[in-house]
Amino acid sequence: MGKWAVSGPALEIGVCALTDDGWRQQTLEKLEADTLRLDKIAQQNGLECVGGTNLFRLYQCNNAKDIQYKLAKQRIWTRIFSYSEYWIRLGLPKEDGWDRLERAFRS
């Protein structure tokens, strides 16, 4: 990939954030809570979590293409995989995106 240029201010912000134990802990707790929230919504809509991180989740379902299409109609972007018709990956929505995600699943 080569070297990536990162500006001095961006480096300084990164250092400040990563050395701030309170910020790191608060961020981790928020990500963990959001991950559980996404898993609950997915489970209520027939998806089973089979992997992921605190930033995105991998779910198994009956037809990933159908779910991707349904969510895309509401401008919720997901990833499906050419080697599995049953897997779909969702990222954590922004704070104002949770209601839209739930509405999209209901549509």
PDB file of N, CA and C in Angstrom:
ATOM      1  N   MET A   1       0.817  -1.194   0.000  1.00  0.00           N
ATOM      2  CA  MET A   1       0.000   0.000   0.000  1.00  0.00           C
ATOM      3  C   MET A   1       0.858   1.253   0.000  1.00  0.00           C
ATOM      4  N   GLY A   2       2.017   1.166   0.500  1.00  0.00           N
ATOM      5  CA  GLY A   2       2.854   2.353   0.555  1.00  0.00           C
ATOM      6  C   GLY A   2       2.539   3.202   1.767  1.00  0.00           C
ATOM      7  N   LYS A   3       3.215   4.320   1.837  1.00  0.00           N
ATOM      8  CA  LYS A   3       3.017   5.234   2.968  1.00  0.00           C
ATOM      9  C   LYS A   3       1.760   6.064   2.762  1.00  0.00           C
ATOM     10  N   TRP A   4       1.087   6.333   3.846  1.00  0.00           N
ATOM     11  CA  TRP A   4      -0.080   7.202   3.817  1.00  0.00           C
ATOM     12  C   TRP A   4       0.285   8.500   4.509  1.00  0.00           C
ATOM     13  N   ALA A   5       0.014   9.575   3.839  1.00  0.00           N
ATOM     14  CA  ALA A   5       0.280  10.879   4.451  1.00  0.00           C
ATOM     15  C   ALA A   5      -0.819  11.194   5.470  1.00  0.00           C
ATOM     16  N   VAL A   6      -0.402  11.532   6.666  1.00  0.00           N
ATOM     17  CA  VAL A   6      -1.343  11.933   7.711  1.00  0.00           C
ATOM     18  C   VAL A   6      -0.876  13.286   8.224  1.00  0.00           C
ATOM     19  N   SER A   7      -1.798  14.218   8.285  1.00  0.00           N
ATOM     20  CA  SER A   7      -1.432  15.575   8.690  1.00  0.00           C
ATOM     21  C   SER A   7      -1.008  15.625  10.153  1.00  0.00           C
ATOM     22  N   GLY A   8      -0.213  16.613  10.477  1.00  0.00           N
ATOM     23  CA  GLY A   8       0.226  16.820  11.857  1.00  0.00           C
ATOM     24  C   GLY A   8      -0.926  16.975  12.828  1.00  0.00           C
ATOM     25  N   PRO A   9      -1.935  17.817  12.507  1.00  0.00           N
ATOM     26  CA  PRO A   9      -3.074  17.942  13.422  1.00  0.00           C
ATOM     27  C   PRO A   9      -3.816  16.616  13.632  1.00  0.00           C
ATOM     28  N   ALA A  10      -3.948  15.819  12.571  1.00  0.00           N
ATOM     29  CA  ALA A  10      -4.623  14.523  12.717  1.00  0.00           C
ATOM     30  C   ALA A  10      -3.832  13.602  13.633  1.00  0.00           C
ATOM     31  N   LEU A  11      -2.518  13.613  13.489  1.00  0.00           N
ATOM     32  CA  LEU A  11      -1.678  12.803  14.374  1.00  0.00           C
ATOM     33  C   LEU A  11      -1.820  13.248  15.826  1.00  0.00           C
ATOM     34  N   GLU A  12      -1.845  14.549  16.042  1.00  0.00           N
ATOM     35  CA  GLU A  12      -1.972  15.086  17.401  1.00  0.00           C
ATOM     36  C   GLU A  12      -3.312  14.697  18.027  1.00  0.00           C
ATOM     37  N   ILE A  13      -4.369  14.792  17.246  1.00  0.00           N
ATOM     38  CA  ILE A  13      -5.696  14.401  17.733  1.00  0.00           C
ATOM     39  C   ILE A  13      -5.707  12.918  18.086  1.00  0.00           C
ATOM     40  N   GLY A  14      -5.118  12.098  17.224  1.00  0.00           N
ATOM     41  CA  GLY A  14      -5.057  10.663  17.489  1.00  0.00           C
ATOM     42  C   GLY A  14      -4.300  10.341  18.760  1.00  0.00           C
ATOM     43  N   VAL A  15      -3.164  10.989  18.951  1.00  0.00           N
ATOM     44  CA  VAL A  15      -2.369  10.764  20.159  1.00  0.00           C
ATOM     45  C   VAL A  15      -3.161  11.173  21.398  1.00  0.00           C
ATOM     46  N   CYS A  16      -3.800  12.333  21.333  1.00  0.00           N
ATOM     47  CA  CYS A  16      -4.596  12.801  22.484  1.00  0.00           C
ATOM     48  C   CYS A  16      -5.720  11.821  22.812  1.00  0.00           C
ATOM     49  N   ALA A  17      -6.414  11.361  21.783  1.00  0.00           N
ATOM     50  CA  ALA A  17      -7.536  10.445  22.013  1.00  0.00           C
ATOM     51  C   ALA A  17      -7.058   9.126  22.605  1.00  0.00           C
ATOM     52  N   LEU A  18      -6.014   8.578  22.029  1.00  0.00           N
ATOM     53  CA  LEU A  18      -5.571   7.252  22.460  1.00  0.00           C
ATOM     54  C   LEU A  18      -4.852   7.249  23.803  1.00  0.00           C
ATOM     55  N   THR A  19      -4.404   8.397  24.241  1.00  0.00           N
ATOM     56  CA  THR A  19      -3.770   8.460  25.564  1.00  0.00           C
ATOM     57  C   THR A  19      -4.741   8.918  26.647  1.00  0.00           C
ATOM     58  N   ASP A  20      -5.977   9.194  26.261  1.00  0.00           N
ATOM     59  CA  ASP A  20      -7.018   9.610  27.205  1.00  0.00           C
ATOM     60  C   ASP A  20      -7.790   8.361  27.644  1.00  0.00           C
ATOM     61  N   ASP A  21      -7.427   7.823  28.794  1.00  0.00           N
ATOM     62  CA  ASP A  21      -8.049   6.584  29.266  1.00  0.00           C
ATOM     63  C   ASP A  21      -9.561   6.711  29.421  1.00  0.00           C
ATOM     64  N   GLY A  22     -10.024   7.841  29.903  1.00  0.00           N
ATOM     65  CA  GLY A  22     -11.462   8.051  30.069  1.00  0.00           C
ATOM     66  C   GLY A  22     -12.192   8.020  28.744  1.00  0.00           C
ATOM     67  N   TRP A  23     -11.639   8.695  27.747  1.00  0.00           N
ATOM     68  CA  TRP A  23     -12.256   8.718  26.417  1.00  0.00           C
ATOM     69  C   TRP A  23     -12.278   7.319  25.826  1.00  0.00           C
ATOM     70  N   ARG A  24     -11.151   6.613  25.940  1.00  0.00           N
ATOM     71  CA  ARG A  24     -11.079   5.253  25.390  1.00  0.00           C
ATOM     72  C   ARG A  24     -12.115   4.346  26.040  1.00  0.00           C
ATOM     73  N   GLN A  25     -12.238   4.409  27.356  1.00  0.00           N
ATOM     74  CA  GLN A  25     -13.193   3.559  28.068  1.00  0.00           C
ATOM     75  C   GLN A  25     -14.628   3.915  27.689  1.00  0.00           C
ATOM     76  N   GLN A  26     -14.922   5.204  27.638  1.00  0.00           N
ATOM     77  CA  GLN A  26     -16.268   5.656  27.267  1.00  0.00           C
ATOM     78  C   GLN A  26     -16.609   5.219  25.842  1.00  0.00           C
ATOM     79  N   THR A  27     -15.661   5.344  24.943  1.00  0.00           N
ATOM     80  CA  THR A  27     -15.882   4.952  23.551  1.00  0.00           C
ATOM     81  C   THR A  27     -16.106   3.451  23.442  1.00  0.00           C
ATOM     82  N   LEU A  28     -15.308   2.671  24.140  1.00  0.00           N
ATOM     83  CA  LEU A  28     -15.470   1.223  24.119  1.00  0.00           C
ATOM     84  C   LEU A  28     -16.835   0.813  24.664  1.00  0.00           C
ATOM     85  N   GLU A  29     -17.258   1.414  25.756  1.00  0.00           N
ATOM     86  CA  GLU A  29     -18.569   1.098  26.331  1.00  0.00           C
ATOM     87  C   GLU A  29     -19.694   1.449  25.365  1.00  0.00           C
ATOM     88  N   LYS A  30     -19.574   2.582  24.687  1.00  0.00           N
ATOM     89  CA  LYS A  30     -20.593   2.995  23.706  1.00  0.00           C
ATOM     90  C   LYS A  30     -20.640   2.009  22.540  1.00  0.00           C
ATOM     91  N   LEU A  31     -19.471   1.633  22.030  1.00  0.00           N
ATOM     92  CA  LEU A  31     -19.428   0.680  20.920  1.00  0.00           C
ATOM     93  C   LEU A  31     -20.010  -0.674  21.325  1.00  0.00           C
ATOM     94  N   GLU A  32     -19.695  -1.126  22.522  1.00  0.00           N
ATOM     95  CA  GLU A  32     -20.236  -2.407  22.991  1.00  0.00           C
ATOM     96  C   GLU A  32     -21.752  -2.350  23.136  1.00  0.00           C
ATOM     97  N   ALA A  33     -22.273  -1.255  23.661  1.00  0.00           N
ATOM     98  CA  ALA A  33     -23.728  -1.100  23.798  1.00  0.00           C
ATOM     99  C   ALA A  33     -24.393  -1.044  22.426  1.00  0.00           C
ATOM    100  N   ASP A  34     -23.790  -0.316  21.497  1.00  0.00           N
ATOM    101  CA  ASP A  34     -24.345  -0.224  20.147  1.00  0.00           C
ATOM    102  C   ASP A  34     -24.311  -1.575  19.439  1.00  0.00           C
ATOM    103  N   THR A  35     -23.255  -2.341  19.669  1.00  0.00           N
ATOM    104  CA  THR A  35     -23.153  -3.674  19.078  1.00  0.00           C
ATOM    105  C   THR A  35     -24.285  -4.566  19.578  1.00  0.00           C
ATOM    106  N   LEU A  36     -24.543  -4.535  20.872  1.00  0.00           N
ATOM    107  CA  LEU A  36     -25.648  -5.323  21.430  1.00  0.00           C
ATOM    108  C   LEU A  36     -26.992  -4.864  20.869  1.00  0.00           C
ATOM    109  N   ARG A  37     -27.139  -3.566  20.691  1.00  0.00           N
ATOM    110  CA  ARG A  37     -28.383  -3.017  20.138  1.00  0.00           C
ATOM    111  C   ARG A  37     -28.590  -3.496  18.702  1.00  0.00           C
ATOM    112  N   LEU A  38     -27.528  -3.468  17.900  1.00  0.00           N
ATOM    113  CA  LEU A  38     -27.626  -3.937  16.518  1.00  0.00           C
ATOM    114  C   LEU A  38     -27.944  -5.429  16.484  1.00  0.00           C
ATOM    115  N   ASP A  39     -27.282  -6.205  17.329  1.00  0.00           N
ATOM    116  CA  ASP A  39     -27.563  -7.642  17.383  1.00  0.00           C
ATOM    117  C   ASP A  39     -29.020  -7.914  17.743  1.00  0.00           C
ATOM    118  N   LYS A  40     -29.567  -7.140  18.669  1.00  0.00           N
ATOM    119  CA  LYS A  40     -30.965  -7.335  19.080  1.00  0.00           C
ATOM    120  C   LYS A  40     -31.917  -7.040  17.922  1.00  0.00           C
ATOM    121  N   ILE A  41     -31.687  -5.935  17.225  1.00  0.00           N
ATOM    122  CA  ILE A  41     -32.534  -5.585  16.079  1.00  0.00           C
ATOM    123  C   ILE A  41     -32.436  -6.663  15.009  1.00  0.00           C
ATOM    124  N   ALA A  42     -31.224  -7.096  14.733  1.00  0.00           N
ATOM    125  CA  ALA A  42     -31.025  -8.127  13.714  1.00  0.00           C
ATOM    126  C   ALA A  42     -31.723  -9.426  14.112  1.00  0.00           C
ATOM    127  N   GLN A  43     -31.552  -9.833  15.353  1.00  0.00           N
ATOM    128  CA  GLN A  43     -32.162 -11.070  15.831  1.00  0.00           C
ATOM    129  C   GLN A  43     -33.686 -10.996  15.749  1.00  0.00           C
ATOM    130  N   GLN A  44     -34.253  -9.846  16.085  1.00  0.00           N
ATOM    131  CA  GLN A  44     -35.705  -9.673  16.005  1.00  0.00           C
ATOM    132  C   GLN A  44     -36.206  -9.786  14.570  1.00  0.00           C
ATOM    133  N   ASN A  45     -35.290  -9.668  13.619  1.00  0.00           N
ATOM    134  CA  ASN A  45     -35.664  -9.731  12.210  1.00  0.00           C
ATOM    135  C   ASN A  45     -35.110 -10.970  11.516  1.00  0.00           C
ATOM    136  N   GLY A  46     -34.807 -11.993  12.308  1.00  0.00           N
ATOM    137  CA  GLY A  46     -34.442 -13.288  11.757  1.00  0.00           C
ATOM    138  C   GLY A  46     -32.988 -13.480  11.377  1.00  0.00           C
ATOM    139  N   LEU A  47     -32.117 -12.582  11.791  1.00  0.00           N
ATOM    140  CA  LEU A  47     -30.702 -12.712  11.489  1.00  0.00           C
ATOM    141  C   LEU A  47     -29.971 -13.257  12.712  1.00  0.00           C
ATOM    142  N   GLU A  48     -28.982 -14.091  12.469  1.00  0.00           N
ATOM    143  CA  GLU A  48     -28.178 -14.666  13.554  1.00  0.00           C
ATOM    144  C   GLU A  48     -26.744 -14.167  13.427  1.00  0.00           C
ATOM    145  N   CYS A  49     -26.224 -13.585  14.491  1.00  0.00           N
ATOM    146  CA  CYS A  49     -24.853 -13.087  14.472  1.00  0.00           C
ATOM    147  C   CYS A  49     -23.885 -14.267  14.436  1.00  0.00           C
ATOM    148  N   VAL A  50     -22.969 -14.236  13.463  1.00  0.00           N
ATOM    149  CA  VAL A  50     -21.966 -15.298  13.352  1.00  0.00           C
ATOM    150  C   VAL A  50     -20.547 -14.750  13.461  1.00  0.00           C
ATOM    151  N   GLY A  51     -20.409 -13.436  13.680  1.00  0.00           N
ATOM    152  CA  GLY A  51     -19.080 -12.861  13.841  1.00  0.00           C
ATOM    153  C   GLY A  51     -19.119 -11.352  13.759  1.00  0.00           C
ATOM    154  N   GLY A  52     -17.939 -10.758  13.847  1.00  0.00           N
ATOM    155  CA  GLY A  52     -17.845  -9.316  13.715  1.00  0.00           C
ATOM    156  C   GLY A  52     -16.964  -8.690  14.771  1.00  0.00           C
ATOM    157  N   THR A  53     -17.046  -7.382  14.844  1.00  0.00           N
ATOM    158  CA  THR A  53     -16.285  -6.583  15.796  1.00  0.00           C
ATOM    159  C   THR A  53     -17.248  -5.591  16.430  1.00  0.00           C
ATOM    160  N   ASN A  54     -16.713  -4.643  17.167  1.00  0.00           N
ATOM    161  CA  ASN A  54     -17.559  -3.584  17.728  1.00  0.00           C
ATOM    162  C   ASN A  54     -17.853  -2.485  16.716  1.00  0.00           C
ATOM    163  N   LEU A  55     -17.441  -2.655  15.473  1.00  0.00           N
ATOM    164  CA  LEU A  55     -17.741  -1.675  14.426  1.00  0.00           C
ATOM    165  C   LEU A  55     -18.687  -2.230  13.371  1.00  0.00           C
ATOM    166  N   PHE A  56     -18.639  -3.530  13.136  1.00  0.00           N
ATOM    167  CA  PHE A  56     -19.544  -4.153  12.180  1.00  0.00           C
ATOM    168  C   PHE A  56     -19.846  -5.566  12.647  1.00  0.00           C
ATOM    169  N   ARG A  57     -20.947  -6.120  12.105  1.00  0.00           N
ATOM    170  CA  ARG A  57     -21.381  -7.457  12.502  1.00  0.00           C
ATOM    171  C   ARG A  57     -21.686  -8.282  11.258  1.00  0.00           C
ATOM    172  N   LEU A  58     -21.406  -9.565  11.344  1.00  0.00           N
ATOM    173  CA  LEU A  58     -21.701 -10.507  10.272  1.00  0.00           C
ATOM    174  C   LEU A  58     -22.878 -11.367  10.716  1.00  0.00           C
ATOM    175  N   TYR A  59     -23.908 -11.393   9.880  1.00  0.00           N
ATOM    176  CA  TYR A  59     -25.121 -12.137  10.214  1.00  0.00           C
ATOM    177  C   TYR A  59     -25.395 -13.205   9.174  1.00  0.00           C
ATOM    178  N   GLN A  60     -26.013 -14.275   9.644  1.00  0.00           N
ATOM    179  CA  GLN A  60     -26.486 -15.323   8.758  1.00  0.00           C
ATOM    180  C   GLN A  60     -27.997 -15.192   8.661  1.00  0.00           C
ATOM    181  N   CYS A  61     -28.509 -15.370   7.454  1.00  0.00           N
ATOM    182  CA  CYS A  61     -29.948 -15.235   7.221  1.00  0.00           C
ATOM    183  C   CYS A  61     -30.345 -16.149   6.065  1.00  0.00           C
ATOM    184  N   ASN A  62     -31.617 -16.212   5.780  1.00  0.00           N
ATOM    185  CA  ASN A  62     -32.094 -17.085   4.708  1.00  0.00           C
ATOM    186  C   ASN A  62     -31.686 -16.606   3.326  1.00  0.00           C
ATOM    187  N   ASN A  63     -31.719 -15.303   3.092  1.00  0.00           N
ATOM    188  CA  ASN A  63     -31.374 -14.772   1.779  1.00  0.00           C
ATOM    189  C   ASN A  63     -30.784 -13.375   1.938  1.00  0.00           C
ATOM    190  N   ALA A  64     -29.481 -13.296   1.929  1.00  0.00           N
ATOM    191  CA  ALA A  64     -28.794 -12.024   2.162  1.00  0.00           C
ATOM    192  C   ALA A  64     -29.124 -10.988   1.089  1.00  0.00           C
ATOM    193  N   LYS A  65     -29.290 -11.420  -0.156  1.00  0.00           N
ATOM    194  CA  LYS A  65     -29.606 -10.466  -1.231  1.00  0.00           C
ATOM    195  C   LYS A  65     -30.935  -9.771  -0.983  1.00  0.00           C
ATOM    196  N   ASP A  66     -31.921 -10.527  -0.525  1.00  0.00           N
ATOM    197  CA  ASP A  66     -33.231  -9.933  -0.249  1.00  0.00           C
ATOM    198  C   ASP A  66     -33.140  -8.886   0.861  1.00  0.00           C
ATOM    199  N   ILE A  67     -32.401  -9.201   1.902  1.00  0.00           N
ATOM    200  CA  ILE A  67     -32.259  -8.249   3.008  1.00  0.00           C
ATOM    201  C   ILE A  67     -31.454  -7.043   2.563  1.00  0.00           C
ATOM    202  N   GLN A  68     -30.398  -7.275   1.782  1.00  0.00           N
ATOM    203  CA  GLN A  68     -29.612  -6.147   1.287  1.00  0.00           C
ATOM    204  C   GLN A  68     -30.495  -5.215   0.454  1.00  0.00           C
ATOM    205  N   TYR A  69     -31.322  -5.773  -0.409  1.00  0.00           N
ATOM    206  CA  TYR A  69     -32.209  -4.964  -1.245  1.00  0.00           C
ATOM    207  C   TYR A  69     -33.202  -4.181  -0.381  1.00  0.00           C
ATOM    208  N   LYS A  70     -33.788  -4.857   0.577  1.00  0.00           N
ATOM    209  CA  LYS A  70     -34.764  -4.225   1.468  1.00  0.00           C
ATOM    210  C   LYS A  70     -34.145  -3.038   2.208  1.00  0.00           C
ATOM    211  N   LEU A  71     -32.946  -3.221   2.744  1.00  0.00           N
ATOM    212  CA  LEU A  71     -32.281  -2.145   3.475  1.00  0.00           C
ATOM    213  C   LEU A  71     -31.795  -1.050   2.533  1.00  0.00           C
ATOM    214  N   ALA A  72     -31.325  -1.433   1.357  1.00  0.00           N
ATOM    215  CA  ALA A  72     -30.826  -0.439   0.394  1.00  0.00           C
ATOM    216  C   ALA A  72     -31.937   0.499  -0.069  1.00  0.00           C
ATOM    217  N   LYS A  73     -33.170   0.013  -0.115  1.00  0.00           N
ATOM    218  CA  LYS A  73     -34.286   0.895  -0.486  1.00  0.00           C
ATOM    219  C   LYS A  73     -34.430   2.042   0.506  1.00  0.00           C
ATOM    220  N   GLN A  74     -33.933   1.847   1.721  1.00  0.00           N
ATOM    221  CA  GLN A  74     -33.958   2.896   2.744  1.00  0.00           C
ATOM    222  C   GLN A  74     -32.575   3.547   2.899  1.00  0.00           C
ATOM    223  N   ARG A  75     -31.718   3.313   1.913  1.00  0.00           N
ATOM    224  CA  ARG A  75     -30.351   3.867   1.883  1.00  0.00           C
ATOM    225  C   ARG A  75     -29.506   3.415   3.067  1.00  0.00           C
ATOM    226  N   ILE A  76     -29.668   2.163   3.410  1.00  0.00           N
ATOM    227  CA  ILE A  76     -28.814   1.536   4.414  1.00  0.00           C
ATOM    228  C   ILE A  76     -27.934   0.555   3.659  1.00  0.00           C
ATOM    229  N   TRP A  77     -26.644   0.837   3.648  1.00  0.00           N
ATOM    230  CA  TRP A  77     -25.709   0.073   2.828  1.00  0.00           C
ATOM    231  C   TRP A  77     -25.119  -1.073   3.638  1.00  0.00           C
ATOM    232  N   THR A  78     -25.091  -2.222   3.026  1.00  0.00           N
ATOM    233  CA  THR A  78     -24.593  -3.437   3.656  1.00  0.00           C
ATOM    234  C   THR A  78     -23.620  -4.109   2.700  1.00  0.00           C
ATOM    235  N   ARG A  79     -23.042  -5.190   3.148  1.00  0.00           N
ATOM    236  CA  ARG A  79     -22.173  -5.962   2.262  1.00  0.00           C
ATOM    237  C   ARG A  79     -22.629  -7.409   2.287  1.00  0.00           C
ATOM    238  N   ILE A  80     -22.749  -7.975   1.093  1.00  0.00           N
ATOM    239  CA  ILE A  80     -22.974  -9.408   0.973  1.00  0.00           C
ATOM    240  C   ILE A  80     -21.739 -10.007   0.311  1.00  0.00           C
ATOM    241  N   PHE A  81     -21.667 -11.322   0.293  1.00  0.00           N
ATOM    242  CA  PHE A  81     -20.458 -11.998  -0.146  1.00  0.00           C
ATOM    243  C   PHE A  81     -20.772 -12.975  -1.273  1.00  0.00           C
ATOM    244  N   SER A  82     -19.944 -12.979  -2.302  1.00  0.00           N
ATOM    245  CA  SER A  82     -20.181 -13.840  -3.465  1.00  0.00           C
ATOM    246  C   SER A  82     -20.114 -15.324  -3.111  1.00  0.00           C
ATOM    247  N   TYR A  83     -19.428 -15.660  -2.057  1.00  0.00           N
ATOM    248  CA  TYR A  83     -19.244 -17.065  -1.691  1.00  0.00           C
ATOM    249  C   TYR A  83     -20.274 -17.561  -0.668  1.00  0.00           C
ATOM    250  N   SER A  84     -21.211 -16.711  -0.276  1.00  0.00           N
ATOM    251  CA  SER A  84     -22.253 -17.156   0.657  1.00  0.00           C
ATOM    252  C   SER A  84     -23.527 -16.356   0.428  1.00  0.00           C
ATOM    253  N   GLU A  85     -24.583 -17.042   0.084  1.00  0.00           N
ATOM    254  CA  GLU A  85     -25.864 -16.355  -0.103  1.00  0.00           C
ATOM    255  C   GLU A  85     -26.569 -16.093   1.221  1.00  0.00           C
ATOM    256  N   TYR A  86     -25.961 -16.532   2.313  1.00  0.00           N
ATOM    257  CA  TYR A  86     -26.587 -16.435   3.629  1.00  0.00           C
ATOM    258  C   TYR A  86     -25.974 -15.376   4.536  1.00  0.00           C
ATOM    259  N   TRP A  87     -24.867 -14.766   4.136  1.00  0.00           N
ATOM    260  CA  TRP A  87     -24.169 -13.817   5.002  1.00  0.00           C
ATOM    261  C   TRP A  87     -24.369 -12.384   4.552  1.00  0.00           C
ATOM    262  N   ILE A  88     -24.552 -11.518   5.535  1.00  0.00           N
ATOM    263  CA  ILE A  88     -24.656 -10.081   5.281  1.00  0.00           C
ATOM    264  C   ILE A  88     -23.937  -9.351   6.415  1.00  0.00           C
ATOM    265  N   ARG A  89     -23.227  -8.307   6.057  1.00  0.00           N
ATOM    266  CA  ARG A  89     -22.492  -7.536   7.068  1.00  0.00           C
ATOM    267  C   ARG A  89     -23.112  -6.154   7.195  1.00  0.00           C
ATOM    268  N   LEU A  90     -23.353  -5.756   8.431  1.00  0.00           N
ATOM    269  CA  LEU A  90     -23.897  -4.434   8.741  1.00  0.00           C
ATOM    270  C   LEU A  90     -22.927  -3.706   9.656  1.00  0.00           C
ATOM    271  N   GLY A  91     -22.765  -2.425   9.402  1.00  0.00           N
ATOM    272  CA  GLY A  91     -21.997  -1.584  10.300  1.00  0.00           C
ATOM    273  C   GLY A  91     -22.915  -0.919  11.304  1.00  0.00           C
ATOM    274  N   LEU A  92     -22.319  -0.399  12.360  1.00  0.00           N
ATOM    275  CA  LEU A  92     -23.111   0.325  13.354  1.00  0.00           C
ATOM    276  C   LEU A  92     -23.638   1.616  12.739  1.00  0.00           C
ATOM    277  N   PRO A  93     -24.923   1.892  12.900  1.00  0.00           N
ATOM    278  CA  PRO A  93     -25.450   3.156  12.383  1.00  0.00           C
ATOM    279  C   PRO A  93     -25.013   4.337  13.248  1.00  0.00           C
ATOM    280  N   LYS A  94     -25.100   5.517  12.655  1.00  0.00           N
ATOM    281  CA  LYS A  94     -24.901   6.734  13.447  1.00  0.00           C
ATOM    282  C   LYS A  94     -26.057   6.840  14.433  1.00  0.00           C
ATOM    283  N   GLU A  95     -25.921   7.722  15.391  1.00  0.00           N
ATOM    284  CA  GLU A  95     -26.938   7.838  16.441  1.00  0.00           C
ATOM    285  C   GLU A  95     -28.329   8.102  15.868  1.00  0.00           C
ATOM    286  N   ASP A  96     -28.410   8.884  14.800  1.00  0.00           N
ATOM    287  CA  ASP A  96     -29.722   9.187  14.220  1.00  0.00           C
ATOM    288  C   ASP A  96     -30.183   8.117  13.220  1.00  0.00           C
ATOM    289  N   GLY A  97     -29.449   7.028  13.080  1.00  0.00           N
ATOM    290  CA  GLY A  97     -29.798   6.005  12.105  1.00  0.00           C
ATOM    291  C   GLY A  97     -30.500   4.778  12.656  1.00  0.00           C
ATOM    292  N   TRP A  98     -30.618   4.685  13.970  1.00  0.00           N
ATOM    293  CA  TRP A  98     -31.237   3.498  14.559  1.00  0.00           C
ATOM    294  C   TRP A  98     -32.705   3.350  14.168  1.00  0.00           C
ATOM    295  N   ASP A  99     -33.462   4.433  14.249  1.00  0.00           N
ATOM    296  CA  ASP A  99     -34.886   4.371  13.891  1.00  0.00           C
ATOM    297  C   ASP A  99     -35.057   3.998  12.425  1.00  0.00           C
ATOM    298  N   ARG A 100     -34.208   4.564  11.573  1.00  0.00           N
ATOM    299  CA  ARG A 100     -34.286   4.260  10.138  1.00  0.00           C
ATOM    300  C   ARG A 100     -34.001   2.780   9.892  1.00  0.00           C
ATOM    301  N   LEU A 101     -33.040   2.228  10.613  1.00  0.00           N
ATOM    302  CA  LEU A 101     -32.725   0.809  10.466  1.00  0.00           C
ATOM    303  C   LEU A 101     -33.919  -0.051  10.876  1.00  0.00           C
ATOM    304  N   GLU A 102     -34.531   0.276  11.995  1.00  0.00           N
ATOM    305  CA  GLU A 102     -35.690  -0.501  12.445  1.00  0.00           C
ATOM    306  C   GLU A 102     -36.852  -0.376  11.462  1.00  0.00           C
ATOM    307  N   ARG A 103     -37.079   0.829  10.943  1.00  0.00           N
ATOM    308  CA  ARG A 103     -38.144   1.022   9.942  1.00  0.00           C
ATOM    309  C   ARG A 103     -37.850   0.220   8.679  1.00  0.00           C
ATOM    310  N   ALA A 104     -36.602   0.197   8.267  1.00  0.00           N
ATOM    311  CA  ALA A 104     -36.227  -0.530   7.053  1.00  0.00           C
ATOM    312  C   ALA A 104     -36.502  -2.022   7.207  1.00  0.00           C
ATOM    313  N   PHE A 105     -36.203  -2.562   8.353  1.00  0.00           N
ATOM    314  CA  PHE A 105     -36.487  -3.981   8.574  1.00  0.00           C
ATOM    315  C   PHE A 105     -37.985  -4.248   8.570  1.00  0.00           C
ATOM    316  N   ARG A 106     -38.773  -3.309   9.057  1.00  0.00           N
ATOM    317  CA  ARG A 106     -40.231  -3.493   9.101  1.00  0.00           C
ATOM    318  C   ARG A 106     -40.884  -3.330   7.735  1.00  0.00           C
ATOM    319  N   SER A 107     -40.225  -2.644   6.823  1.00  0.00           N
ATOM    320  CA  SER A 107     -40.854  -2.345   5.516  1.00  0.00           C
ATOM    321  C   SER A 107     -40.974  -3.579   4.638  1.00  0.00           C
TER     322      SER A 107
END
